[in-house]
């Protein structure tokens, strides 16, 4: 995530006193970005914390032996590889 974008949102919230509707709009915008990249079936959660200047996006995938839908599933091998990288 580009820190400058997040900080710009946080600064607007602090300076303008923007309410919870703005938070929902930010969540919706990032949700649309997730759907565009991973497809309409993607399961995700967007957490916005403007006080800290954080936006976290969690993508939920089912771990399977054979991937049939890459937008909702990940292979066991790929999941293990991702765990090794963390």
C-alpha atoms as a PDB file:
ATOM      1  CA  UNK A   1       0.000   0.000   0.000  1.00  0.00           C
ATOM      2  CA  UNK A   2       1.311   3.407  -0.894  1.00  0.00           C
ATOM      3  CA  UNK A   3       1.882   5.167   2.442  1.00  0.00           C
ATOM      4  CA  UNK A   4       1.374   8.621   0.889  1.00  0.00           C
ATOM      5  CA  UNK A   5      -2.178   7.729  -0.208  1.00  0.00           C
ATOM      6  CA  UNK A   6      -3.087   6.423   3.236  1.00  0.00           C
ATOM      7  CA  UNK A   7      -1.573   9.449   4.958  1.00  0.00           C
ATOM      8  CA  UNK A   8      -3.492  11.786   2.628  1.00  0.00           C
ATOM      9  CA  UNK A   9      -6.770  10.116   3.612  1.00  0.00           C
ATOM     10  CA  UNK A  10      -5.849  10.292   7.302  1.00  0.00           C
ATOM     11  CA  UNK A  11      -4.934  13.969   7.022  1.00  0.00           C
ATOM     12  CA  UNK A  12      -8.259  14.798   5.343  1.00  0.00           C
ATOM     13  CA  UNK A  13     -10.141  13.021   8.109  1.00  0.00           C
ATOM     14  CA  UNK A  14      -8.230  14.884  10.829  1.00  0.00           C
ATOM     15  CA  UNK A  15      -8.485  18.312   9.198  1.00  0.00           C
ATOM     16  CA  UNK A  16     -12.010  18.145   7.821  1.00  0.00           C
ATOM     17  CA  UNK A  17     -13.655  16.083  10.557  1.00  0.00           C
ATOM     18  CA  UNK A  18     -15.009  13.630   8.007  1.00  0.00           C
ATOM     19  CA  UNK A  19     -17.454  11.119   9.489  1.00  0.00           C
ATOM     20  CA  UNK A  20     -18.062   7.388   9.253  1.00  0.00           C
ATOM     21  CA  UNK A  21     -19.649   7.654   5.798  1.00  0.00           C
ATOM     22  CA  UNK A  22     -16.230   8.568   4.454  1.00  0.00           C
ATOM     23  CA  UNK A  23     -14.743   5.459   6.084  1.00  0.00           C
ATOM     24  CA  UNK A  24     -17.352   3.301   4.349  1.00  0.00           C
ATOM     25  CA  UNK A  25     -16.613   4.996   1.020  1.00  0.00           C
ATOM     26  CA  UNK A  26     -12.893   4.302   1.420  1.00  0.00           C
ATOM     27  CA  UNK A  27     -13.681   0.666   2.285  1.00  0.00           C
ATOM     28  CA  UNK A  28     -15.940   0.429  -0.776  1.00  0.00           C
ATOM     29  CA  UNK A  29     -13.279   1.898  -3.070  1.00  0.00           C
ATOM     30  CA  UNK A  30     -10.636  -0.568  -1.928  1.00  0.00           C
ATOM     31  CA  UNK A  31     -13.219  -3.360  -2.098  1.00  0.00           C
ATOM     32  CA  UNK A  32     -13.889  -2.512  -5.739  1.00  0.00           C
ATOM     33  CA  UNK A  33     -10.148  -2.634  -6.394  1.00  0.00           C
ATOM     34  CA  UNK A  34      -9.949  -6.111  -4.834  1.00  0.00           C
ATOM     35  CA  UNK A  35     -12.893  -7.330  -6.931  1.00  0.00           C
ATOM     36  CA  UNK A  36     -11.352  -5.890 -10.085  1.00  0.00           C
ATOM     37  CA  UNK A  37      -8.068  -7.687  -9.447  1.00  0.00           C
ATOM     38  CA  UNK A  38      -9.349 -10.972  -7.965  1.00  0.00           C
ATOM     39  CA  UNK A  39     -12.846 -11.246  -9.460  1.00  0.00           C
ATOM     40  CA  UNK A  40     -16.394 -10.807  -8.157  1.00  0.00           C
ATOM     41  CA  UNK A  41     -16.254 -13.992  -6.047  1.00  0.00           C
ATOM     42  CA  UNK A  42     -13.265 -12.821  -4.009  1.00  0.00           C
ATOM     43  CA  UNK A  43     -13.778 -12.891  -0.242  1.00  0.00           C
ATOM     44  CA  UNK A  44     -12.067  -9.974   1.427  1.00  0.00           C
ATOM     45  CA  UNK A  45     -12.134  -7.584   4.343  1.00  0.00           C
ATOM     46  CA  UNK A  46     -11.002  -3.970   4.316  1.00  0.00           C
ATOM     47  CA  UNK A  47     -10.052  -2.398   7.654  1.00  0.00           C
ATOM     48  CA  UNK A  48      -9.651   1.382   7.713  1.00  0.00           C
ATOM     49  CA  UNK A  49      -8.017   3.098  10.684  1.00  0.00           C
ATOM     50  CA  UNK A  50      -7.667   6.744   9.750  1.00  0.00           C
ATOM     51  CA  UNK A  51      -6.388   7.693  13.200  1.00  0.00           C
ATOM     52  CA  UNK A  52      -3.286   5.604  12.559  1.00  0.00           C
ATOM     53  CA  UNK A  53      -3.306   6.173   8.801  1.00  0.00           C
ATOM     54  CA  UNK A  54      -3.699   2.436   8.137  1.00  0.00           C
ATOM     55  CA  UNK A  55      -5.694   0.573   5.540  1.00  0.00           C
ATOM     56  CA  UNK A  56      -5.445  -3.214   5.719  1.00  0.00           C
ATOM     57  CA  UNK A  57      -6.846  -5.547   3.102  1.00  0.00           C
ATOM     58  CA  UNK A  58      -7.328  -9.224   3.890  1.00  0.00           C
ATOM     59  CA  UNK A  59      -8.007 -11.697   1.092  1.00  0.00           C
ATOM     60  CA  UNK A  60      -9.563 -14.995   2.167  1.00  0.00           C
ATOM     61  CA  UNK A  61      -8.825 -18.097   0.118  1.00  0.00           C
ATOM     62  CA  UNK A  62      -9.585 -21.759   0.637  1.00  0.00           C
ATOM     63  CA  UNK A  63      -6.515 -24.012   0.661  1.00  0.00           C
ATOM     64  CA  UNK A  64      -7.112 -26.935  -1.717  1.00  0.00           C
ATOM     65  CA  UNK A  65      -5.091 -29.630  -3.428  1.00  0.00           C
ATOM     66  CA  UNK A  66      -6.343 -28.702  -6.895  1.00  0.00           C
ATOM     67  CA  UNK A  67      -7.319 -25.093  -7.655  1.00  0.00           C
ATOM     68  CA  UNK A  68     -10.528 -24.722  -9.634  1.00  0.00           C
ATOM     69  CA  UNK A  69     -11.215 -21.028  -8.917  1.00  0.00           C
ATOM     70  CA  UNK A  70      -8.051 -18.933  -8.400  1.00  0.00           C
ATOM     71  CA  UNK A  71     -10.076 -16.003  -7.057  1.00  0.00           C
ATOM     72  CA  UNK A  72     -11.251 -18.021  -4.042  1.00  0.00           C
ATOM     73  CA  UNK A  73      -8.746 -20.877  -3.783  1.00  0.00           C
ATOM     74  CA  UNK A  74      -5.019 -21.415  -3.362  1.00  0.00           C
ATOM     75  CA  UNK A  75      -3.054 -24.632  -3.693  1.00  0.00           C
ATOM     76  CA  UNK A  76      -1.424 -26.245  -0.661  1.00  0.00           C
ATOM     77  CA  UNK A  77       2.000 -25.776  -2.274  1.00  0.00           C
ATOM     78  CA  UNK A  78       1.390 -22.066  -2.919  1.00  0.00           C
ATOM     79  CA  UNK A  79       0.064 -21.544   0.612  1.00  0.00           C
ATOM     80  CA  UNK A  80       3.178 -23.207   2.069  1.00  0.00           C
ATOM     81  CA  UNK A  81       5.368 -21.047  -0.176  1.00  0.00           C
ATOM     82  CA  UNK A  82       3.582 -17.899   1.054  1.00  0.00           C
ATOM     83  CA  UNK A  83       4.066 -18.976   4.677  1.00  0.00           C
ATOM     84  CA  UNK A  84       7.799 -19.407   4.101  1.00  0.00           C
ATOM     85  CA  UNK A  85       8.021 -15.828   2.781  1.00  0.00           C
ATOM     86  CA  UNK A  86       6.564 -14.346   5.989  1.00  0.00           C
END
